[in-house]
Each structure stands twice: as structure tokens, then as C-alpha cells.
Amino acid sequence: MTTPEPETPEPDQQDETEAPSREELDRQVRDHYGSGWRDQPRGLACAVVAAFLVLTTVAFGLAIIAMVLAVR
């Protein structure tokens, strides 16, 4: 007499007592956070860098003007 092989549940139909596989957890994290840091929005970082560049340029210009006026 042979016994039928048990069916393997689909990933979405896993028994709640069984922990999800590593692949399933990785897929869930990728779906939630994106596939990497390059997929994340960079608007704030771009604004910070742009503000730094503008303020540095203004400060450098004021320093040059102050040096020119001090020499005269």
C-alpha cells in the first residue's frame, strides 16, 4: 500500500505555524523597501548638497571681496 505524498503549500498558503523561508522574507523586504538604496528618493540629499554649494560659493565670494577691500 502506498501513501500519497503531501502537497507542498504555495508560499502564500503557508501554515501560520511554519516560518516563512529566507527567500520569501527577502522578497517581502524588497517589495516594501525597494531593491536597494539607489531606489530611494534622494530629494532631501540633493537639496542639502545644493544649499552647501550655494552657501560655500557665497562665502568664498564675500571672502574675496573682503580681501580686495582690505588691500585698498
PDB file of N, CA and C in Angstrom:
ATOM      1  N   MET A   1       0.829  -1.176   0.000  1.00  0.00           N
ATOM      2  CA  MET A   1       0.000   0.000   0.000  1.00  0.00           C
ATOM      3  C   MET A   1       0.882   1.252   0.000  1.00  0.00           C
ATOM      4  N   THR A   2       0.590   2.173  -0.870  1.00  0.00           N
ATOM      5  CA  THR A   2       1.376   3.401  -0.938  1.00  0.00           C
ATOM      6  C   THR A   2       0.574   4.549  -0.359  1.00  0.00           C
ATOM      7  N   THR A   3       1.301   5.455   0.244  1.00  0.00           N
ATOM      8  CA  THR A   3       0.625   6.637   0.798  1.00  0.00           C
ATOM      9  C   THR A   3       0.864   7.805  -0.142  1.00  0.00           C
ATOM     10  N   PRO A   4      -0.141   8.632  -0.358  1.00  0.00           N
ATOM     11  CA  PRO A   4       0.052   9.785  -1.246  1.00  0.00           C
ATOM     12  C   PRO A   4       1.009  10.789  -0.602  1.00  0.00           C
ATOM     13  N   GLU A   5       1.784  11.415  -1.471  1.00  0.00           N
ATOM     14  CA  GLU A   5       2.717  12.434  -0.971  1.00  0.00           C
ATOM     15  C   GLU A   5       1.940  13.690  -0.588  1.00  0.00           C
ATOM     16  N   PRO A   6       2.304  14.303   0.523  1.00  0.00           N
ATOM     17  CA  PRO A   6       1.591  15.533   0.912  1.00  0.00           C
ATOM     18  C   PRO A   6       1.919  16.659  -0.067  1.00  0.00           C
ATOM     19  N   GLU A   7       0.926  17.474  -0.309  1.00  0.00           N
ATOM     20  CA  GLU A   7       1.117  18.617  -1.198  1.00  0.00           C
ATOM     21  C   GLU A   7       1.930  19.684  -0.475  1.00  0.00           C
ATOM     22  N   THR A   8       2.838  20.300  -1.215  1.00  0.00           N
ATOM     23  CA  THR A   8       3.589  21.408  -0.626  1.00  0.00           C
ATOM     24  C   THR A   8       2.762  22.675  -0.799  1.00  0.00           C
ATOM     25  N   PRO A   9       2.572  23.424   0.268  1.00  0.00           N
ATOM     26  CA  PRO A   9       1.735  24.621   0.164  1.00  0.00           C
ATOM     27  C   PRO A   9       2.432  25.695  -0.664  1.00  0.00           C
ATOM     28  N   GLU A  10       1.635  26.500  -1.314  1.00  0.00           N
ATOM     29  CA  GLU A  10       2.156  27.648  -2.050  1.00  0.00           C
ATOM     30  C   GLU A  10       2.711  28.638  -1.028  1.00  0.00           C
ATOM     31  N   PRO A  11       3.634  29.521  -1.435  1.00  0.00           N
ATOM     32  CA  PRO A  11       4.205  30.471  -0.474  1.00  0.00           C
ATOM     33  C   PRO A  11       3.148  31.335   0.225  1.00  0.00           C
ATOM     34  N   ASP A  12       2.077  31.682  -0.486  1.00  0.00           N
ATOM     35  CA  ASP A  12       1.028  32.500   0.130  1.00  0.00           C
ATOM     36  C   ASP A  12       0.106  31.680   1.025  1.00  0.00           C
ATOM     37  N   GLN A  13       0.150  30.361   0.867  1.00  0.00           N
ATOM     38  CA  GLN A  13      -0.752  29.497   1.629  1.00  0.00           C
ATOM     39  C   GLN A  13      -0.010  28.722   2.710  1.00  0.00           C
ATOM     40  N   GLN A  14       1.126  29.212   3.180  1.00  0.00           N
ATOM     41  CA  GLN A  14       1.886  28.506   4.190  1.00  0.00           C
ATOM     42  C   GLN A  14       1.112  28.459   5.494  1.00  0.00           C
ATOM     43  N   ASP A  15       1.347  27.378   6.214  1.00  0.00           N
ATOM     44  CA  ASP A  15       0.723  27.218   7.522  1.00  0.00           C
ATOM     45  C   ASP A  15       1.264  28.308   8.444  1.00  0.00           C
ATOM     46  N   GLU A  16       0.387  28.892   9.256  1.00  0.00           N
ATOM     47  CA  GLU A  16       0.809  30.007  10.102  1.00  0.00           C
ATOM     48  C   GLU A  16       1.846  29.592  11.129  1.00  0.00           C
ATOM     49  N   THR A  17       1.911  28.322  11.487  1.00  0.00           N
ATOM     50  CA  THR A  17       2.901  27.879  12.458  1.00  0.00           C
ATOM     51  C   THR A  17       4.267  27.716  11.815  1.00  0.00           C
ATOM     52  N   GLU A  18       4.319  27.609  10.493  1.00  0.00           N
ATOM     53  CA  GLU A  18       5.582  27.452   9.781  1.00  0.00           C
ATOM     54  C   GLU A  18       6.166  28.829   9.462  1.00  0.00           C
ATOM     55  N   ALA A  19       7.436  29.014   9.770  1.00  0.00           N
ATOM     56  CA  ALA A  19       8.099  30.291   9.496  1.00  0.00           C
ATOM     57  C   ALA A  19       8.323  30.437   7.993  1.00  0.00           C
ATOM     58  N   PRO A  20       8.205  31.661   7.458  1.00  0.00           N
ATOM     59  CA  PRO A  20       8.450  31.851   6.025  1.00  0.00           C
ATOM     60  C   PRO A  20       9.918  31.591   5.687  1.00  0.00           C
ATOM     61  N   SER A  21      10.160  31.195   4.475  1.00  0.00           N
ATOM     62  CA  SER A  21      11.527  30.899   4.040  1.00  0.00           C
ATOM     63  C   SER A  21      12.329  32.195   3.903  1.00  0.00           C
ATOM     64  N   ARG A  22      13.622  32.026   3.806  1.00  0.00           N
ATOM     65  CA  ARG A  22      14.511  33.180   3.648  1.00  0.00           C
ATOM     66  C   ARG A  22      14.200  33.932   2.355  1.00  0.00           C
ATOM     67  N   GLU A  23      13.910  33.185   1.293  1.00  0.00           N
ATOM     68  CA  GLU A  23      13.589  33.811   0.010  1.00  0.00           C
ATOM     69  C   GLU A  23      12.314  34.641   0.104  1.00  0.00           C
ATOM     70  N   GLU A  24      11.325  34.116   0.828  1.00  0.00           N
ATOM     71  CA  GLU A  24      10.061  34.843   0.995  1.00  0.00           C
ATOM     72  C   GLU A  24      10.275  36.121   1.800  1.00  0.00           C
ATOM     73  N   LEU A  25      11.075  36.040   2.848  1.00  0.00           N
ATOM     74  CA  LEU A  25      11.370  37.237   3.644  1.00  0.00           C
ATOM     75  C   LEU A  25      12.127  38.266   2.818  1.00  0.00           C
ATOM     76  N   ASP A  26      13.097  37.808   2.022  1.00  0.00           N
ATOM     77  CA  ASP A  26      13.838  38.735   1.158  1.00  0.00           C
ATOM     78  C   ASP A  26      12.904  39.417   0.166  1.00  0.00           C
ATOM     79  N   ARG A  27      11.971  38.669  -0.397  1.00  0.00           N
ATOM     80  CA  ARG A  27      11.021  39.235  -1.361  1.00  0.00           C
ATOM     81  C   ARG A  27      10.149  40.289  -0.692  1.00  0.00           C
ATOM     82  N   GLN A  28       9.692  39.998   0.527  1.00  0.00           N
ATOM     83  CA  GLN A  28       8.852  40.953   1.245  1.00  0.00           C
ATOM     84  C   GLN A  28       9.621  42.244   1.539  1.00  0.00           C
ATOM     85  N   VAL A  29      10.877  42.120   1.934  1.00  0.00           N
ATOM     86  CA  VAL A  29      11.689  43.307   2.226  1.00  0.00           C
ATOM     87  C   VAL A  29      11.915  44.100   0.950  1.00  0.00           C
ATOM     88  N   ARG A  30      12.241  43.422  -0.162  1.00  0.00           N
ATOM     89  CA  ARG A  30      12.448  44.115  -1.430  1.00  0.00           C
ATOM     90  C   ARG A  30      11.184  44.827  -1.887  1.00  0.00           C
ATOM     91  N   ASP A  31      10.019  44.175  -1.715  1.00  0.00           N
ATOM     92  CA  ASP A  31       8.759  44.795  -2.108  1.00  0.00           C
ATOM     93  C   ASP A  31       8.469  46.038  -1.270  1.00  0.00           C
ATOM     94  N   HIS A  32       8.821  45.986   0.006  1.00  0.00           N
ATOM     95  CA  HIS A  32       8.496  47.096   0.906  1.00  0.00           C
ATOM     96  C   HIS A  32       9.489  48.246   0.780  1.00  0.00           C
ATOM     97  N   TYR A  33      10.779  47.947   0.723  1.00  0.00           N
ATOM     98  CA  TYR A  33      11.802  48.987   0.750  1.00  0.00           C
ATOM     99  C   TYR A  33      12.442  49.267  -0.605  1.00  0.00           C
ATOM    100  N   GLY A  34      12.157  48.501  -1.612  1.00  0.00           N
ATOM    101  CA  GLY A  34      12.837  48.660  -2.892  1.00  0.00           C
ATOM    102  C   GLY A  34      14.035  47.732  -2.947  1.00  0.00           C
ATOM    103  N   SER A  35      14.634  47.631  -4.109  1.00  0.00           N
ATOM    104  CA  SER A  35      15.707  46.657  -4.262  1.00  0.00           C
ATOM    105  C   SER A  35      17.050  47.172  -3.769  1.00  0.00           C
ATOM    106  N   GLY A  36      17.170  48.424  -3.453  1.00  0.00           N
ATOM    107  CA  GLY A  36      18.448  48.923  -2.952  1.00  0.00           C
ATOM    108  C   GLY A  36      18.376  50.396  -2.639  1.00  0.00           C
ATOM    109  N   TRP A  37      19.479  50.916  -2.151  1.00  0.00           N
ATOM    110  CA  TRP A  37      19.497  52.330  -1.758  1.00  0.00           C
ATOM    111  C   TRP A  37      19.314  53.235  -2.956  1.00  0.00           C
ATOM    112  N   ARG A  38      19.648  52.759  -4.156  1.00  0.00           N
ATOM    113  CA  ARG A  38      19.506  53.600  -5.341  1.00  0.00           C
ATOM    114  C   ARG A  38      18.041  53.848  -5.698  1.00  0.00           C
ATOM    115  N   ASP A  39      17.138  53.013  -5.189  1.00  0.00           N
ATOM    116  CA  ASP A  39      15.722  53.185  -5.488  1.00  0.00           C
ATOM    117  C   ASP A  39      15.041  54.190  -4.560  1.00  0.00           C
ATOM    118  N   GLN A  40      15.741  54.612  -3.527  1.00  0.00           N
ATOM    119  CA  GLN A  40      15.128  55.505  -2.548  1.00  0.00           C
ATOM    120  C   GLN A  40      15.149  56.940  -3.063  1.00  0.00           C
ATOM    121  N   PRO A  41      14.189  57.757  -2.654  1.00  0.00           N
ATOM    122  CA  PRO A  41      14.178  59.160  -3.088  1.00  0.00           C
ATOM    123  C   PRO A  41      15.402  59.892  -2.553  1.00  0.00           C
ATOM    124  N   ARG A  42      15.944  60.767  -3.372  1.00  0.00           N
ATOM    125  CA  ARG A  42      17.144  61.488  -2.979  1.00  0.00           C
ATOM    126  C   ARG A  42      16.915  62.996  -2.961  1.00  0.00           C
ATOM    127  N   GLY A  43      15.676  63.431  -2.882  1.00  0.00           N
ATOM    128  CA  GLY A  43      15.381  64.857  -2.947  1.00  0.00           C
ATOM    129  C   GLY A  43      16.017  65.650  -1.824  1.00  0.00           C
ATOM    130  N   LEU A  44      15.937  65.153  -0.602  1.00  0.00           N
ATOM    131  CA  LEU A  44      16.497  65.877   0.538  1.00  0.00           C
ATOM    132  C   LEU A  44      18.016  65.956   0.424  1.00  0.00           C
ATOM    133  N   ALA A  45      18.642  64.873   0.033  1.00  0.00           N
ATOM    134  CA  ALA A  45      20.101  64.878  -0.113  1.00  0.00           C
ATOM    135  C   ALA A  45      20.530  65.876  -1.188  1.00  0.00           C
ATOM    136  N   CYS A  46      19.806  65.921  -2.287  1.00  0.00           N
ATOM    137  CA  CYS A  46      20.131  66.878  -3.354  1.00  0.00           C
ATOM    138  C   CYS A  46      19.960  68.314  -2.863  1.00  0.00           C
ATOM    139  N   ALA A  47      18.932  68.569  -2.090  1.00  0.00           N
ATOM    140  CA  ALA A  47      18.703  69.918  -1.562  1.00  0.00           C
ATOM    141  C   ALA A  47      19.820  70.321  -0.603  1.00  0.00           C
ATOM    142  N   VAL A  48      20.273  69.397   0.228  1.00  0.00           N
ATOM    143  CA  VAL A  48      21.346  69.695   1.175  1.00  0.00           C
ATOM    144  C   VAL A  48      22.644  69.994   0.425  1.00  0.00           C
ATOM    145  N   VAL A  49      22.968  69.186  -0.572  1.00  0.00           N
ATOM    146  CA  VAL A  49      24.189  69.409  -1.345  1.00  0.00           C
ATOM    147  C   VAL A  49      24.110  70.736  -2.104  1.00  0.00           C
ATOM    148  N   ALA A  50      22.967  71.028  -2.698  1.00  0.00           N
ATOM    149  CA  ALA A  50      22.807  72.290  -3.434  1.00  0.00           C
ATOM    150  C   ALA A  50      22.945  73.483  -2.492  1.00  0.00           C
ATOM    151  N   ALA A  51      22.340  73.409  -1.317  1.00  0.00           N
ATOM    152  CA  ALA A  51      22.453  74.505  -0.349  1.00  0.00           C
ATOM    153  C   ALA A  51      23.899  74.679   0.091  1.00  0.00           C
ATOM    154  N   PHE A  52      24.610  73.587   0.313  1.00  0.00           N
ATOM    155  CA  PHE A  52      26.022  73.675   0.692  1.00  0.00           C
ATOM    156  C   PHE A  52      26.835  74.353  -0.404  1.00  0.00           C
ATOM    157  N   LEU A  53      26.602  73.973  -1.641  1.00  0.00           N
ATOM    158  CA  LEU A  53      27.344  74.571  -2.748  1.00  0.00           C
ATOM    159  C   LEU A  53      27.056  76.066  -2.880  1.00  0.00           C
ATOM    160  N   VAL A  54      25.795  76.435  -2.755  1.00  0.00           N
ATOM    161  CA  VAL A  54      25.424  77.857  -2.865  1.00  0.00           C
ATOM    162  C   VAL A  54      26.047  78.664  -1.729  1.00  0.00           C
ATOM    163  N   LEU A  55      25.908  78.164  -0.511  1.00  0.00           N
ATOM    164  CA  LEU A  55      26.454  78.904   0.634  1.00  0.00           C
ATOM    165  C   LEU A  55      27.975  78.980   0.583  1.00  0.00           C
ATOM    166  N   THR A  56      28.628  77.923   0.127  1.00  0.00           N
ATOM    167  CA  THR A  56      30.081  77.940   0.008  1.00  0.00           C
ATOM    168  C   THR A  56      30.524  78.954  -1.040  1.00  0.00           C
ATOM    169  N   THR A  57      29.813  79.006  -2.158  1.00  0.00           N
ATOM    170  CA  THR A  57      30.142  79.963  -3.212  1.00  0.00           C
ATOM    171  C   THR A  57      29.958  81.397  -2.726  1.00  0.00           C
ATOM    172  N   VAL A  58      28.866  81.649  -2.028  1.00  0.00           N
ATOM    173  CA  VAL A  58      28.621  82.996  -1.487  1.00  0.00           C
ATOM    174  C   VAL A  58      29.702  83.369  -0.474  1.00  0.00           C
ATOM    175  N   ALA A  59      30.055  82.462   0.408  1.00  0.00           N
ATOM    176  CA  ALA A  59      31.074  82.737   1.419  1.00  0.00           C
ATOM    177  C   ALA A  59      32.432  82.996   0.764  1.00  0.00           C
ATOM    178  N   PHE A  60      32.763  82.219  -0.258  1.00  0.00           N
ATOM    179  CA  PHE A  60      34.025  82.423  -0.969  1.00  0.00           C
ATOM    180  C   PHE A  60      34.038  83.790  -1.655  1.00  0.00           C
ATOM    181  N   GLY A  61      32.938  84.161  -2.275  1.00  0.00           N
ATOM    182  CA  GLY A  61      32.844  85.472  -2.921  1.00  0.00           C
ATOM    183  C   GLY A  61      32.988  86.600  -1.926  1.00  0.00           C
ATOM    184  N   LEU A  62      32.328  86.492  -0.780  1.00  0.00           N
ATOM    185  CA  LEU A  62      32.452  87.529   0.253  1.00  0.00           C
ATOM    186  C   LEU A  62      33.871  87.606   0.794  1.00  0.00           C
ATOM    187  N   ALA A  63      34.542  86.483   0.905  1.00  0.00           N
ATOM    188  CA  ALA A  63      35.928  86.494   1.394  1.00  0.00           C
ATOM    189  C   ALA A  63      36.833  87.198   0.382  1.00  0.00           C
ATOM    190  N   ILE A  64      36.625  86.964  -0.899  1.00  0.00           N
ATOM    191  CA  ILE A  64      37.429  87.636  -1.932  1.00  0.00           C
ATOM    192  C   ILE A  64      37.164  89.140  -1.884  1.00  0.00           C
ATOM    193  N   ILE A  65      35.907  89.541  -1.767  1.00  0.00           N
ATOM    194  CA  ILE A  65      35.574  90.971  -1.691  1.00  0.00           C
ATOM    195  C   ILE A  65      36.205  91.595  -0.455  1.00  0.00           C
ATOM    196  N   ALA A  66      36.155  90.910   0.674  1.00  0.00           N
ATOM    197  CA  ALA A  66      36.746  91.445   1.904  1.00  0.00           C
ATOM    198  C   ALA A  66      38.252  91.591   1.775  1.00  0.00           C
ATOM    199  N   MET A  67      38.918  90.643   1.110  1.00  0.00           N
ATOM    200  CA  MET A  67      40.359  90.743   0.903  1.00  0.00           C
ATOM    201  C   MET A  67      40.705  91.902  -0.024  1.00  0.00           C
ATOM    202  N   VAL A  68      39.944  92.097  -1.082  1.00  0.00           N
ATOM    203  CA  VAL A  68      40.183  93.188  -2.028  1.00  0.00           C
ATOM    204  C   VAL A  68      40.010  94.539  -1.315  1.00  0.00           C
ATOM    205  N   LEU A  69      38.962  94.656  -0.518  1.00  0.00           N
ATOM    206  CA  LEU A  69      38.728  95.918   0.189  1.00  0.00           C
ATOM    207  C   LEU A  69      39.782  96.155   1.272  1.00  0.00           C
ATOM    208  N   ALA A  70      40.314  95.113   1.882  1.00  0.00           N
ATOM    209  CA  ALA A  70      41.325  95.273   2.915  1.00  0.00           C
ATOM    210  C   ALA A  70      42.664  95.720   2.334  1.00  0.00           C
ATOM    211  N   VAL A  71      42.939  95.291   1.107  1.00  0.00           N
ATOM    212  CA  VAL A  71      44.202  95.656   0.463  1.00  0.00           C
ATOM    213  C   VAL A  71      44.176  97.134   0.064  1.00  0.00           C
ATOM    214  N   ARG A  72      43.067  97.639  -0.301  1.00  0.00           N
ATOM    215  CA  ARG A  72      42.980  99.044  -0.757  1.00  0.00           C
ATOM    216  C   ARG A  72      43.187  99.976   0.343  1.00  0.00           C
TER     217      ARG A  72
END
